[in-house]
Structure formats: C-alpha cells, structure tokens
Amino acid sequence: MTRRVVGIDMSMTRTGIGIITLTATGEVIASGDVFRSPLVKTGPLKMNKSKANPKLVPTESLHDRRIRAKAITADACRYAVGAELVVIEGLFAGMSAGHLIDRSGVWWRIVDRCLAKGTPVAVIAPAALKKPITGRGGSAKDPVDKAAMAAAVLKLWPGLENISGDLVDAVALAHLGAVLLRWPVETLQRHQEANWTELPPELLTPDTVSA
C-alpha cells in the first residue's frame, strides 16, 4: 500500500505542497507542486503609497478575499486527500491586521477540512522548521536563509531538480512528517528536536512531547 505525507507551506499568493511517498516496495520518493491563488480586485479605488507614481488602484473586496480563501483551501486539500499525515506551519506573528485575518481564516479552513476527512494534522512553529532540516539554529545570530534551506533539502532529496523557494519549506515540512512516522528517510537531527506545536493524539509519545 502506498502511503503519503503532505507538507503545506501556505501562502496567500503561492502555496507550496511537499509530498513524501512511501511505496509498497519500500521506496521513498519526494515530490511537490506550487499553485498560485487567484488575485482579483473589484473593491473601491484607493490611492497607492508610491511617491514616484501615485494613482488610484482597485482593492480587494470581501467577496474577492472569500474567493481567494476558498481557492487556496480547495487546492491544498486536494493534495491532502488520502494522506497519512498533513504537516503545516503555525501562523507567523507580526503580520498586518488584514493579512492576519485572511491567513488565519485560510489556515483554519485547511486544518478543519483535513480533520473533518479524518486526516491527522501536525503543526510546527515557523521558527522551528529550519533547525531539524539544516542542523542550525536559525536565530538572529545564526540565520538560515532560503538558499541554505534549499541546499539542505536537496542534500536530503537529491532527486528533486530545480526546487523553487516556494517549494523548499513544503518539502521540509513533509520530510519532518515522514521522520515523525519513522519512515526510512535521512535526517540531520533527531525528530524529537522539532518544536511540534500540535501533534495528532496517536503520535504523542514521551519523545515528541515538548518540555
């Protein structure tokens, strides 16, 4: 039986989907996809903030934002159907109010639909993703940029070619899910070191419960 872990790097513009597949023969394969969400602006005109070229530009209406949220949810959950585990980052702090509302809403739409379908969901803190993949802390004193993450992911999965920045974190999320399930995948750090914000009850062990 083929088994899959899906990592969702959710974005309001380009969402990355990472997939780790464990085949019936024991082969483990990494793949992924990126989809762009629709951006339609039919709201009232508003003056932009450009000093060089100030002009009236359309804004997103509530209806536009609703359509975009539904599209992101549908695309992400399409990949999650039949997955053994979905791994998604928690929400970032410091976002603007409008962005926070939309991103939080879409995040909950995706998580709710996965859980409603019986698909377990694991949540990891955004700042905690880099260390288990690169072996570095990712703090202000030891920053880990996209290039370093991409290099680490390609080292773990050399079969991935032309991996885009939108896909790097998604594959990393799926990889940590595969490690969590104890699939035969390489890792630079023990999976216990990942800062899991939330784990499905069936995966909670003394090793995976954060102190």
N, C-alpha and C. Protein backbone atom coordinates (compact mmCIF):
# COMPACT_ATOMS: atom_id res chain seq x y z
N MET A 1 0.84 -1.20 0.00
CA MET A 1 0.00 0.00 0.00
C MET A 1 0.88 1.25 0.00
N THR A 2 0.56 2.19 -0.85
CA THR A 2 1.30 3.44 -0.92
C THR A 2 0.83 4.39 0.18
N ARG A 3 1.79 5.01 0.84
CA ARG A 3 1.48 5.95 1.93
C ARG A 3 2.08 7.31 1.59
N ARG A 4 1.41 8.38 2.07
CA ARG A 4 1.87 9.73 1.74
C ARG A 4 1.84 10.64 2.95
N VAL A 5 2.85 11.52 3.04
CA VAL A 5 2.85 12.64 3.98
C VAL A 5 2.84 13.91 3.14
N VAL A 6 2.00 14.85 3.50
CA VAL A 6 1.88 16.09 2.74
C VAL A 6 2.27 17.27 3.62
N GLY A 7 3.19 18.10 3.14
CA GLY A 7 3.57 19.33 3.82
C GLY A 7 2.96 20.51 3.09
N ILE A 8 2.29 21.39 3.82
CA ILE A 8 1.63 22.54 3.21
C ILE A 8 2.30 23.82 3.70
N ASP A 9 2.99 24.50 2.79
CA ASP A 9 3.58 25.80 3.09
C ASP A 9 2.61 26.85 2.57
N MET A 10 1.64 27.19 3.41
CA MET A 10 0.52 28.02 2.99
C MET A 10 0.94 29.47 2.75
N SER A 11 0.42 30.04 1.69
CA SER A 11 0.67 31.43 1.37
C SER A 11 -0.58 32.00 0.72
N MET A 12 -0.78 33.30 0.87
CA MET A 12 -1.93 33.93 0.24
C MET A 12 -1.68 34.17 -1.24
N THR A 13 -0.47 33.92 -1.71
CA THR A 13 -0.15 34.14 -3.12
C THR A 13 0.30 32.85 -3.82
N ARG A 14 1.33 32.20 -3.30
CA ARG A 14 1.85 30.96 -3.88
C ARG A 14 2.05 29.93 -2.78
N THR A 15 1.24 28.90 -2.77
CA THR A 15 1.30 27.86 -1.74
C THR A 15 2.10 26.67 -2.25
N GLY A 16 3.06 26.22 -1.44
CA GLY A 16 3.88 25.07 -1.80
C GLY A 16 3.32 23.80 -1.17
N ILE A 17 3.36 22.72 -1.92
CA ILE A 17 2.91 21.41 -1.45
C ILE A 17 4.07 20.43 -1.58
N GLY A 18 4.53 19.90 -0.46
CA GLY A 18 5.58 18.88 -0.48
C GLY A 18 4.97 17.52 -0.19
N ILE A 19 5.41 16.50 -0.91
CA ILE A 19 4.84 15.17 -0.75
C ILE A 19 5.97 14.15 -0.60
N ILE A 20 5.93 13.39 0.48
CA ILE A 20 6.84 12.26 0.66
C ILE A 20 6.00 11.00 0.53
N THR A 21 6.36 10.15 -0.42
CA THR A 21 5.59 8.93 -0.70
C THR A 21 6.41 7.70 -0.32
N LEU A 22 5.79 6.80 0.42
CA LEU A 22 6.39 5.51 0.75
C LEU A 22 5.64 4.46 -0.04
N THR A 23 6.32 3.86 -1.02
CA THR A 23 5.65 2.91 -1.90
C THR A 23 5.51 1.55 -1.25
N ALA A 24 4.74 0.70 -1.89
CA ALA A 24 4.52 -0.65 -1.37
C ALA A 24 5.81 -1.46 -1.35
N THR A 25 6.79 -1.07 -2.18
CA THR A 25 8.06 -1.79 -2.23
C THR A 25 9.09 -1.22 -1.25
N GLY A 26 8.70 -0.17 -0.51
CA GLY A 26 9.61 0.42 0.46
C GLY A 26 10.42 1.58 -0.06
N GLU A 27 10.20 1.98 -1.31
CA GLU A 27 10.91 3.13 -1.86
C GLU A 27 10.28 4.41 -1.36
N VAL A 28 11.13 5.40 -1.03
CA VAL A 28 10.63 6.68 -0.56
C VAL A 28 10.96 7.75 -1.59
N ILE A 29 9.95 8.52 -2.00
CA ILE A 29 10.10 9.49 -3.07
C ILE A 29 9.59 10.85 -2.60
N ALA A 30 10.32 11.90 -2.94
CA ALA A 30 9.89 13.26 -2.63
C ALA A 30 9.44 13.96 -3.92
N SER A 31 8.36 14.69 -3.81
CA SER A 31 7.87 15.46 -4.95
C SER A 31 7.13 16.69 -4.41
N GLY A 32 6.64 17.50 -5.30
CA GLY A 32 5.94 18.68 -4.83
C GLY A 32 5.30 19.47 -5.94
N ASP A 33 4.57 20.47 -5.54
CA ASP A 33 3.89 21.33 -6.51
C ASP A 33 3.70 22.70 -5.87
N VAL A 34 3.51 23.70 -6.70
CA VAL A 34 3.24 25.05 -6.24
C VAL A 34 2.04 25.57 -7.02
N PHE A 35 1.08 26.15 -6.32
CA PHE A 35 -0.05 26.73 -7.04
C PHE A 35 -0.23 28.18 -6.62
N ARG A 36 -0.63 28.97 -7.58
CA ARG A 36 -0.84 30.40 -7.36
C ARG A 36 -2.32 30.65 -7.09
N SER A 37 -2.62 31.43 -6.07
CA SER A 37 -4.02 31.72 -5.74
C SER A 37 -4.52 32.88 -6.59
N PRO A 38 -5.80 32.88 -6.90
CA PRO A 38 -6.35 33.97 -7.72
C PRO A 38 -6.32 35.30 -6.97
N LEU A 39 -5.97 36.34 -7.67
CA LEU A 39 -5.95 37.67 -7.06
C LEU A 39 -6.76 38.60 -7.94
N VAL A 40 -8.01 38.79 -7.55
CA VAL A 40 -8.91 39.67 -8.29
C VAL A 40 -9.29 40.82 -7.37
N LYS A 41 -9.23 42.03 -7.88
CA LYS A 41 -9.53 43.21 -7.07
C LYS A 41 -10.69 43.98 -7.69
N THR A 42 -11.84 43.85 -7.06
CA THR A 42 -13.03 44.55 -7.55
C THR A 42 -13.54 45.55 -6.53
N GLY A 43 -12.73 45.81 -5.49
CA GLY A 43 -13.14 46.72 -4.43
C GLY A 43 -12.96 48.18 -4.82
N PRO A 44 -13.27 49.09 -3.90
CA PRO A 44 -13.17 50.54 -4.18
C PRO A 44 -11.75 50.95 -4.55
N LEU A 45 -11.63 52.00 -5.33
CA LEU A 45 -10.32 52.53 -5.69
C LEU A 45 -9.69 53.22 -4.49
N LYS A 46 -8.37 53.08 -4.38
CA LYS A 46 -7.64 53.66 -3.27
C LYS A 46 -6.30 54.17 -3.78
N MET A 47 -5.84 55.31 -3.28
CA MET A 47 -4.56 55.86 -3.71
C MET A 47 -3.42 55.00 -3.17
N ASN A 48 -2.51 54.60 -4.06
CA ASN A 48 -1.38 53.80 -3.59
C ASN A 48 -0.37 54.70 -2.86
N LYS A 49 0.65 54.06 -2.27
CA LYS A 49 1.59 54.80 -1.44
C LYS A 49 2.86 55.19 -2.18
N SER A 50 2.88 54.97 -3.48
CA SER A 50 4.08 55.29 -4.25
C SER A 50 4.21 56.80 -4.44
N LYS A 51 5.36 57.33 -4.02
CA LYS A 51 5.61 58.76 -4.21
C LYS A 51 5.97 59.06 -5.67
N ALA A 52 6.59 58.07 -6.30
CA ALA A 52 7.02 58.29 -7.68
C ALA A 52 5.85 58.23 -8.65
N ASN A 53 4.87 57.39 -8.36
CA ASN A 53 3.75 57.22 -9.29
C ASN A 53 2.45 57.01 -8.52
N PRO A 54 2.00 58.03 -7.82
CA PRO A 54 0.74 57.88 -7.07
C PRO A 54 -0.45 57.80 -8.04
N LYS A 55 -1.31 56.85 -7.80
CA LYS A 55 -2.50 56.70 -8.63
C LYS A 55 -3.54 55.87 -7.90
N LEU A 56 -4.75 55.95 -8.36
CA LEU A 56 -5.83 55.17 -7.78
C LEU A 56 -5.76 53.73 -8.28
N VAL A 57 -5.82 52.80 -7.35
CA VAL A 57 -5.76 51.38 -7.71
C VAL A 57 -6.93 50.65 -7.04
N PRO A 58 -7.44 49.58 -7.65
CA PRO A 58 -8.54 48.83 -7.03
C PRO A 58 -8.06 48.05 -5.81
N THR A 59 -8.94 47.76 -4.92
CA THR A 59 -8.63 46.99 -3.72
C THR A 59 -9.42 45.69 -3.74
N GLU A 60 -9.01 44.76 -2.87
CA GLU A 60 -9.73 43.50 -2.73
C GLU A 60 -10.98 43.72 -1.89
N SER A 61 -12.11 43.32 -2.38
CA SER A 61 -13.34 43.37 -1.61
C SER A 61 -13.43 42.13 -0.73
N LEU A 62 -14.38 42.12 0.19
CA LEU A 62 -14.60 40.93 1.00
C LEU A 62 -14.93 39.73 0.11
N HIS A 63 -15.68 39.98 -0.94
CA HIS A 63 -16.01 38.88 -1.87
C HIS A 63 -14.75 38.35 -2.54
N ASP A 64 -13.85 39.24 -2.97
CA ASP A 64 -12.59 38.81 -3.59
C ASP A 64 -11.77 37.95 -2.62
N ARG A 65 -11.69 38.42 -1.38
CA ARG A 65 -10.91 37.70 -0.37
C ARG A 65 -11.52 36.33 -0.07
N ARG A 66 -12.84 36.26 -0.08
CA ARG A 66 -13.53 34.99 0.15
C ARG A 66 -13.23 34.01 -0.98
N ILE A 67 -13.29 34.48 -2.22
CA ILE A 67 -13.00 33.62 -3.37
C ILE A 67 -11.57 33.09 -3.28
N ARG A 68 -10.63 33.95 -2.92
CA ARG A 68 -9.23 33.54 -2.82
C ARG A 68 -9.04 32.51 -1.71
N ALA A 69 -9.68 32.74 -0.57
CA ALA A 69 -9.58 31.80 0.55
C ALA A 69 -10.13 30.43 0.17
N LYS A 70 -11.24 30.41 -0.51
CA LYS A 70 -11.84 29.14 -0.93
C LYS A 70 -10.94 28.42 -1.92
N ALA A 71 -10.32 29.16 -2.84
CA ALA A 71 -9.46 28.54 -3.85
C ALA A 71 -8.21 27.92 -3.21
N ILE A 72 -7.58 28.64 -2.29
CA ILE A 72 -6.39 28.12 -1.62
C ILE A 72 -6.74 26.85 -0.85
N THR A 73 -7.86 26.89 -0.13
CA THR A 73 -8.28 25.73 0.66
C THR A 73 -8.53 24.53 -0.24
N ALA A 74 -9.24 24.74 -1.32
CA ALA A 74 -9.57 23.63 -2.22
C ALA A 74 -8.32 23.01 -2.82
N ASP A 75 -7.37 23.85 -3.26
CA ASP A 75 -6.14 23.33 -3.87
C ASP A 75 -5.30 22.56 -2.85
N ALA A 76 -5.13 23.14 -1.66
CA ALA A 76 -4.31 22.48 -0.65
C ALA A 76 -4.92 21.16 -0.22
N CYS A 77 -6.22 21.14 0.00
CA CYS A 77 -6.87 19.93 0.50
C CYS A 77 -6.99 18.85 -0.58
N ARG A 78 -6.92 19.26 -1.83
CA ARG A 78 -6.92 18.28 -2.91
C ARG A 78 -5.70 17.36 -2.80
N TYR A 79 -4.56 17.93 -2.42
CA TYR A 79 -3.35 17.13 -2.24
C TYR A 79 -3.41 16.30 -0.95
N ALA A 80 -4.14 16.80 0.03
CA ALA A 80 -4.17 16.15 1.34
C ALA A 80 -5.07 14.92 1.39
N VAL A 81 -5.93 14.76 0.40
CA VAL A 81 -6.86 13.63 0.39
C VAL A 81 -6.09 12.30 0.40
N GLY A 82 -6.39 11.46 1.37
CA GLY A 82 -5.74 10.16 1.45
C GLY A 82 -4.37 10.15 2.10
N ALA A 83 -3.90 11.31 2.55
CA ALA A 83 -2.58 11.37 3.19
C ALA A 83 -2.63 10.73 4.58
N GLU A 84 -1.52 10.13 4.97
CA GLU A 84 -1.44 9.57 6.32
C GLU A 84 -1.23 10.67 7.36
N LEU A 85 -0.62 11.76 6.92
CA LEU A 85 -0.36 12.89 7.82
C LEU A 85 -0.19 14.15 6.99
N VAL A 86 -0.74 15.25 7.49
CA VAL A 86 -0.52 16.57 6.92
C VAL A 86 0.29 17.40 7.91
N VAL A 87 1.34 18.05 7.44
CA VAL A 87 2.17 18.89 8.30
C VAL A 87 2.06 20.33 7.79
N ILE A 88 1.76 21.24 8.69
CA ILE A 88 1.58 22.64 8.32
C ILE A 88 2.23 23.52 9.38
N GLU A 89 2.75 24.67 8.95
CA GLU A 89 3.33 25.61 9.91
C GLU A 89 2.23 26.35 10.66
N GLY A 90 2.54 26.73 11.89
CA GLY A 90 1.65 27.61 12.62
C GLY A 90 1.72 29.00 12.01
N LEU A 91 0.94 29.92 12.54
CA LEU A 91 0.87 31.26 11.97
C LEU A 91 2.04 32.12 12.44
N PHE A 92 2.48 33.02 11.57
CA PHE A 92 3.54 33.96 11.89
C PHE A 92 2.98 35.12 12.71
N ALA A 93 3.76 35.60 13.65
CA ALA A 93 3.38 36.80 14.38
C ALA A 93 3.86 38.02 13.59
N GLY A 94 3.28 39.17 13.88
CA GLY A 94 3.75 40.41 13.28
C GLY A 94 3.17 40.73 11.92
N MET A 95 2.17 39.99 11.47
CA MET A 95 1.55 40.30 10.19
C MET A 95 0.58 41.46 10.34
N SER A 96 0.30 42.15 9.24
CA SER A 96 -0.68 43.23 9.28
C SER A 96 -2.05 42.65 9.60
N ALA A 97 -2.94 43.50 10.10
CA ALA A 97 -4.24 43.03 10.57
C ALA A 97 -5.03 42.32 9.47
N GLY A 98 -5.08 42.94 8.28
CA GLY A 98 -5.83 42.33 7.19
C GLY A 98 -5.24 40.99 6.77
N HIS A 99 -3.92 40.95 6.64
CA HIS A 99 -3.25 39.71 6.26
C HIS A 99 -3.45 38.65 7.33
N LEU A 100 -3.39 39.02 8.58
CA LEU A 100 -3.55 38.06 9.67
C LEU A 100 -4.94 37.44 9.64
N ILE A 101 -5.95 38.26 9.41
CA ILE A 101 -7.32 37.74 9.34
C ILE A 101 -7.46 36.73 8.21
N ASP A 102 -7.00 37.10 7.03
CA ASP A 102 -7.14 36.21 5.88
C ASP A 102 -6.32 34.93 6.05
N ARG A 103 -5.07 35.09 6.45
CA ARG A 103 -4.20 33.91 6.59
C ARG A 103 -4.72 32.98 7.68
N SER A 104 -5.16 33.55 8.79
CA SER A 104 -5.70 32.72 9.88
C SER A 104 -6.95 31.98 9.41
N GLY A 105 -7.80 32.70 8.66
CA GLY A 105 -9.01 32.07 8.17
C GLY A 105 -8.73 30.90 7.24
N VAL A 106 -7.80 31.10 6.31
CA VAL A 106 -7.46 30.03 5.37
C VAL A 106 -6.80 28.87 6.10
N TRP A 107 -5.93 29.20 7.05
CA TRP A 107 -5.26 28.15 7.83
C TRP A 107 -6.29 27.25 8.50
N TRP A 108 -7.28 27.86 9.12
CA TRP A 108 -8.30 27.07 9.80
C TRP A 108 -9.20 26.33 8.82
N ARG A 109 -9.45 26.90 7.66
CA ARG A 109 -10.22 26.19 6.65
C ARG A 109 -9.52 24.89 6.26
N ILE A 110 -8.21 24.98 6.00
CA ILE A 110 -7.44 23.81 5.59
C ILE A 110 -7.40 22.76 6.70
N VAL A 111 -7.06 23.21 7.90
CA VAL A 111 -6.96 22.27 9.03
C VAL A 111 -8.31 21.62 9.31
N ASP A 112 -9.37 22.42 9.30
CA ASP A 112 -10.70 21.89 9.58
C ASP A 112 -11.11 20.84 8.56
N ARG A 113 -10.85 21.13 7.28
CA ARG A 113 -11.26 20.17 6.25
C ARG A 113 -10.47 18.87 6.35
N CYS A 114 -9.17 18.98 6.65
CA CYS A 114 -8.36 17.77 6.83
C CYS A 114 -8.89 16.92 7.99
N LEU A 115 -9.13 17.57 9.12
CA LEU A 115 -9.61 16.84 10.29
C LEU A 115 -10.99 16.25 10.05
N ALA A 116 -11.84 17.00 9.34
CA ALA A 116 -13.19 16.51 9.05
C ALA A 116 -13.14 15.25 8.18
N LYS A 117 -12.09 15.15 7.34
CA LYS A 117 -11.93 13.97 6.48
C LYS A 117 -11.17 12.85 7.19
N GLY A 118 -10.80 13.09 8.45
CA GLY A 118 -10.08 12.06 9.20
C GLY A 118 -8.59 12.03 8.95
N THR A 119 -8.05 13.08 8.34
CA THR A 119 -6.60 13.15 8.08
C THR A 119 -5.90 13.82 9.25
N PRO A 120 -4.97 13.14 9.93
CA PRO A 120 -4.26 13.74 11.06
C PRO A 120 -3.44 14.94 10.61
N VAL A 121 -3.34 15.95 11.47
CA VAL A 121 -2.60 17.17 11.17
C VAL A 121 -1.58 17.43 12.27
N ALA A 122 -0.34 17.70 11.89
CA ALA A 122 0.71 18.11 12.82
C ALA A 122 1.10 19.55 12.51
N VAL A 123 1.31 20.33 13.57
CA VAL A 123 1.64 21.75 13.41
C VAL A 123 3.01 22.01 14.01
N ILE A 124 3.85 22.73 13.27
CA ILE A 124 5.17 23.08 13.76
C ILE A 124 5.32 24.60 13.75
N ALA A 125 6.00 25.14 14.75
CA ALA A 125 6.22 26.59 14.80
C ALA A 125 7.08 27.02 13.62
N PRO A 126 6.75 28.14 12.96
CA PRO A 126 7.53 28.58 11.80
C PRO A 126 9.02 28.71 12.07
N ALA A 127 9.37 29.23 13.24
CA ALA A 127 10.78 29.43 13.57
C ALA A 127 11.50 28.12 13.86
N ALA A 128 10.74 27.02 14.02
CA ALA A 128 11.35 25.76 14.41
C ALA A 128 11.60 24.82 13.23
N LEU A 129 11.27 25.25 12.03
CA LEU A 129 11.40 24.36 10.88
C LEU A 129 12.85 24.18 10.43
N LYS A 130 13.64 25.24 10.56
CA LYS A 130 14.98 25.23 9.94
C LYS A 130 15.97 24.31 10.65
N LYS A 131 15.96 24.28 11.97
CA LYS A 131 16.98 23.53 12.68
C LYS A 131 16.98 22.03 12.38
N PRO A 132 15.82 21.36 12.42
CA PRO A 132 15.85 19.92 12.14
C PRO A 132 16.27 19.60 10.71
N ILE A 133 16.13 20.55 9.79
CA ILE A 133 16.49 20.31 8.40
C ILE A 133 17.95 20.66 8.12
N THR A 134 18.41 21.78 8.66
CA THR A 134 19.77 22.24 8.36
C THR A 134 20.77 21.91 9.46
N GLY A 135 20.29 21.62 10.67
CA GLY A 135 21.19 21.39 11.79
C GLY A 135 21.66 22.67 12.43
N ARG A 136 21.13 23.82 11.97
CA ARG A 136 21.49 25.12 12.53
C ARG A 136 20.28 25.74 13.21
N GLY A 137 20.58 26.69 14.10
CA GLY A 137 19.52 27.23 14.94
C GLY A 137 18.52 28.13 14.27
N GLY A 138 18.95 28.89 13.27
CA GLY A 138 18.03 29.79 12.62
C GLY A 138 17.69 31.02 13.43
N SER A 139 18.49 31.33 14.44
CA SER A 139 18.25 32.51 15.27
C SER A 139 18.85 33.73 14.59
N ALA A 140 18.69 34.89 15.22
CA ALA A 140 19.25 36.13 14.67
C ALA A 140 20.77 36.04 14.57
N LYS A 141 21.39 35.32 15.49
CA LYS A 141 22.84 35.17 15.48
C LYS A 141 23.29 34.08 14.51
N ASP A 142 22.38 33.23 14.11
CA ASP A 142 22.72 32.14 13.19
C ASP A 142 21.60 31.99 12.16
N PRO A 143 21.43 32.99 11.30
CA PRO A 143 20.31 32.98 10.35
C PRO A 143 20.45 31.89 9.30
N VAL A 144 19.33 31.34 8.91
CA VAL A 144 19.28 30.34 7.86
C VAL A 144 18.38 30.89 6.76
N ASP A 145 18.97 31.22 5.60
CA ASP A 145 18.18 31.80 4.52
C ASP A 145 17.62 30.71 3.61
N LYS A 146 16.88 31.14 2.58
CA LYS A 146 16.24 30.19 1.67
C LYS A 146 17.27 29.33 0.95
N ALA A 147 18.43 29.93 0.62
CA ALA A 147 19.46 29.18 -0.10
C ALA A 147 19.99 28.04 0.76
N ALA A 148 20.19 28.31 2.05
CA ALA A 148 20.68 27.27 2.96
C ALA A 148 19.64 26.17 3.13
N MET A 149 18.36 26.57 3.23
CA MET A 149 17.30 25.58 3.34
C MET A 149 17.22 24.73 2.08
N ALA A 150 17.31 25.38 0.93
CA ALA A 150 17.24 24.64 -0.33
C ALA A 150 18.39 23.64 -0.45
N ALA A 151 19.59 24.07 -0.04
CA ALA A 151 20.75 23.18 -0.10
C ALA A 151 20.56 21.97 0.80
N ALA A 152 20.00 22.20 1.99
CA ALA A 152 19.78 21.11 2.93
C ALA A 152 18.71 20.15 2.42
N VAL A 153 17.64 20.70 1.86
CA VAL A 153 16.58 19.84 1.33
C VAL A 153 17.08 19.02 0.15
N LEU A 154 17.90 19.63 -0.72
CA LEU A 154 18.45 18.90 -1.86
C LEU A 154 19.45 17.84 -1.41
N LYS A 155 20.11 18.07 -0.30
CA LYS A 155 21.01 17.05 0.23
C LYS A 155 20.22 15.85 0.73
N LEU A 156 19.07 16.12 1.33
CA LEU A 156 18.22 15.04 1.81
C LEU A 156 17.50 14.35 0.65
N TRP A 157 17.15 15.15 -0.38
CA TRP A 157 16.40 14.62 -1.52
C TRP A 157 17.07 15.08 -2.83
N PRO A 158 18.20 14.46 -3.19
CA PRO A 158 18.95 14.89 -4.38
C PRO A 158 18.18 14.69 -5.68
N GLY A 159 17.13 13.89 -5.65
CA GLY A 159 16.35 13.66 -6.86
C GLY A 159 15.48 14.84 -7.25
N LEU A 160 15.29 15.78 -6.34
CA LEU A 160 14.49 16.96 -6.65
C LEU A 160 15.31 17.92 -7.50
N GLU A 161 14.78 18.33 -8.62
CA GLU A 161 15.50 19.23 -9.51
C GLU A 161 14.79 20.57 -9.60
N ASN A 162 15.58 21.63 -9.69
CA ASN A 162 15.05 22.99 -9.86
C ASN A 162 14.00 23.33 -8.80
N ILE A 163 14.33 23.01 -7.57
CA ILE A 163 13.38 23.26 -6.49
C ILE A 163 13.27 24.77 -6.25
N SER A 164 12.06 25.26 -6.24
CA SER A 164 11.83 26.70 -6.10
C SER A 164 11.75 27.08 -4.63
N GLY A 165 11.88 28.37 -4.36
CA GLY A 165 11.77 28.84 -2.99
C GLY A 165 10.42 28.56 -2.38
N ASP A 166 9.39 28.52 -3.21
CA ASP A 166 8.05 28.25 -2.70
C ASP A 166 7.88 26.79 -2.30
N LEU A 167 8.76 25.94 -2.80
CA LEU A 167 8.62 24.50 -2.55
C LEU A 167 9.53 24.00 -1.43
N VAL A 168 10.58 24.74 -1.12
CA VAL A 168 11.58 24.28 -0.15
C VAL A 168 10.95 23.95 1.19
N ASP A 169 10.24 24.90 1.78
CA ASP A 169 9.67 24.67 3.11
C ASP A 169 8.60 23.59 3.08
N ALA A 170 7.86 23.49 1.97
CA ALA A 170 6.83 22.47 1.87
C ALA A 170 7.42 21.07 1.92
N VAL A 171 8.51 20.85 1.19
CA VAL A 171 9.17 19.55 1.21
C VAL A 171 9.78 19.30 2.59
N ALA A 172 10.33 20.36 3.20
CA ALA A 172 10.90 20.22 4.54
C ALA A 172 9.82 19.80 5.54
N LEU A 173 8.64 20.38 5.44
CA LEU A 173 7.54 20.02 6.33
C LEU A 173 7.14 18.56 6.13
N ALA A 174 7.02 18.15 4.88
CA ALA A 174 6.67 16.76 4.60
C ALA A 174 7.76 15.81 5.10
N HIS A 175 9.01 16.22 4.95
CA HIS A 175 10.13 15.40 5.41
C HIS A 175 10.05 15.17 6.92
N LEU A 176 9.79 16.23 7.68
CA LEU A 176 9.68 16.08 9.13
C LEU A 176 8.52 15.17 9.50
N GLY A 177 7.45 15.22 8.70
CA GLY A 177 6.34 14.31 8.95
C GLY A 177 6.73 12.87 8.73
N ALA A 178 7.53 12.62 7.67
CA ALA A 178 7.99 11.27 7.41
C ALA A 178 8.91 10.77 8.51
N VAL A 179 9.76 11.66 9.02
CA VAL A 179 10.63 11.29 10.14
C VAL A 179 9.79 10.98 11.37
N LEU A 180 8.77 11.79 11.60
CA LEU A 180 7.89 11.59 12.74
C LEU A 180 7.21 10.23 12.69
N LEU A 181 6.86 9.79 11.48
CA LEU A 181 6.23 8.48 11.30
C LEU A 181 7.25 7.34 11.26
N ARG A 182 8.54 7.72 11.38
CA ARG A 182 9.64 6.76 11.40
C ARG A 182 9.77 6.00 10.07
N TRP A 183 9.54 6.72 8.99
CA TRP A 183 9.79 6.14 7.69
C TRP A 183 11.30 6.13 7.43
N PRO A 184 11.76 5.32 6.50
CA PRO A 184 13.21 5.22 6.25
C PRO A 184 13.74 6.41 5.44
N VAL A 185 13.81 7.56 6.10
CA VAL A 185 14.34 8.77 5.44
C VAL A 185 15.52 9.28 6.25
N GLU A 186 16.43 9.97 5.56
CA GLU A 186 17.58 10.54 6.23
C GLU A 186 17.17 11.80 6.99
N THR A 187 17.90 12.11 8.02
CA THR A 187 17.66 13.35 8.75
C THR A 187 18.94 13.81 9.41
N LEU A 188 19.08 15.12 9.56
CA LEU A 188 20.29 15.67 10.18
C LEU A 188 20.16 15.78 11.69
N GLN A 189 18.92 15.81 12.16
CA GLN A 189 18.68 15.92 13.59
C GLN A 189 17.61 14.90 13.98
N ARG A 190 17.58 14.54 15.26
CA ARG A 190 16.51 13.66 15.72
C ARG A 190 15.18 14.39 15.60
N HIS A 191 14.13 13.65 15.23
CA HIS A 191 12.84 14.30 15.04
C HIS A 191 12.31 14.88 16.34
N GLN A 192 12.77 14.38 17.50
CA GLN A 192 12.31 14.90 18.78
C GLN A 192 12.69 16.38 18.94
N GLU A 193 13.70 16.83 18.22
CA GLU A 193 14.16 18.21 18.37
C GLU A 193 13.27 19.20 17.64
N ALA A 194 12.38 18.70 16.77
CA ALA A 194 11.44 19.60 16.12
C ALA A 194 10.45 20.11 17.16
N ASN A 195 10.19 21.40 17.12
CA ASN A 195 9.28 22.01 18.08
C ASN A 195 7.85 21.88 17.59
N TRP A 196 7.25 20.75 17.87
CA TRP A 196 5.89 20.49 17.41
C TRP A 196 4.91 21.26 18.29
N THR A 197 4.15 22.14 17.66
CA THR A 197 3.13 22.89 18.38
C THR A 197 1.93 22.01 18.68
N GLU A 198 1.62 21.14 17.75
CA GLU A 198 0.47 20.25 17.90
C GLU A 198 0.74 18.95 17.16
N LEU A 199 0.43 17.83 17.81
CA LEU A 199 0.57 16.52 17.18
C LEU A 199 -0.73 15.75 17.32
N PRO A 200 -1.03 14.90 16.34
CA PRO A 200 -2.20 14.04 16.49
C PRO A 200 -2.04 13.15 17.72
N PRO A 201 -3.11 12.89 18.45
CA PRO A 201 -3.00 12.08 19.68
C PRO A 201 -2.29 10.75 19.48
N GLU A 202 -2.50 10.12 18.33
CA GLU A 202 -1.90 8.81 18.09
C GLU A 202 -0.39 8.87 17.91
N LEU A 203 0.15 10.07 17.70
CA LEU A 203 1.60 10.23 17.52
C LEU A 203 2.28 10.79 18.76
N LEU A 204 1.52 11.08 19.80
CA LEU A 204 2.12 11.63 21.01
C LEU A 204 2.83 10.52 21.78
N THR A 205 4.13 10.75 22.05
CA THR A 205 4.94 9.85 22.85
C THR A 205 5.78 10.69 23.78
N PRO A 206 6.40 10.09 24.80
CA PRO A 206 7.28 10.87 25.68
C PRO A 206 8.37 11.61 24.93
N ASP A 207 8.79 11.05 23.76
CA ASP A 207 9.86 11.67 22.98
C ASP A 207 9.40 12.91 22.21
N THR A 208 8.10 12.94 21.86
CA THR A 208 7.63 14.02 20.99
C THR A 208 6.90 15.11 21.74
N VAL A 209 6.66 14.94 23.02
CA VAL A 209 6.02 15.98 23.79
C VAL A 209 7.07 17.00 24.20
N SER A 210 6.89 18.26 23.81
CA SER A 210 7.87 19.29 24.13
C SER A 210 7.89 19.57 25.61
N ALA A 211 9.07 19.91 26.11
CA ALA A 211 9.17 20.22 27.53
C ALA A 211 8.52 21.55 27.83
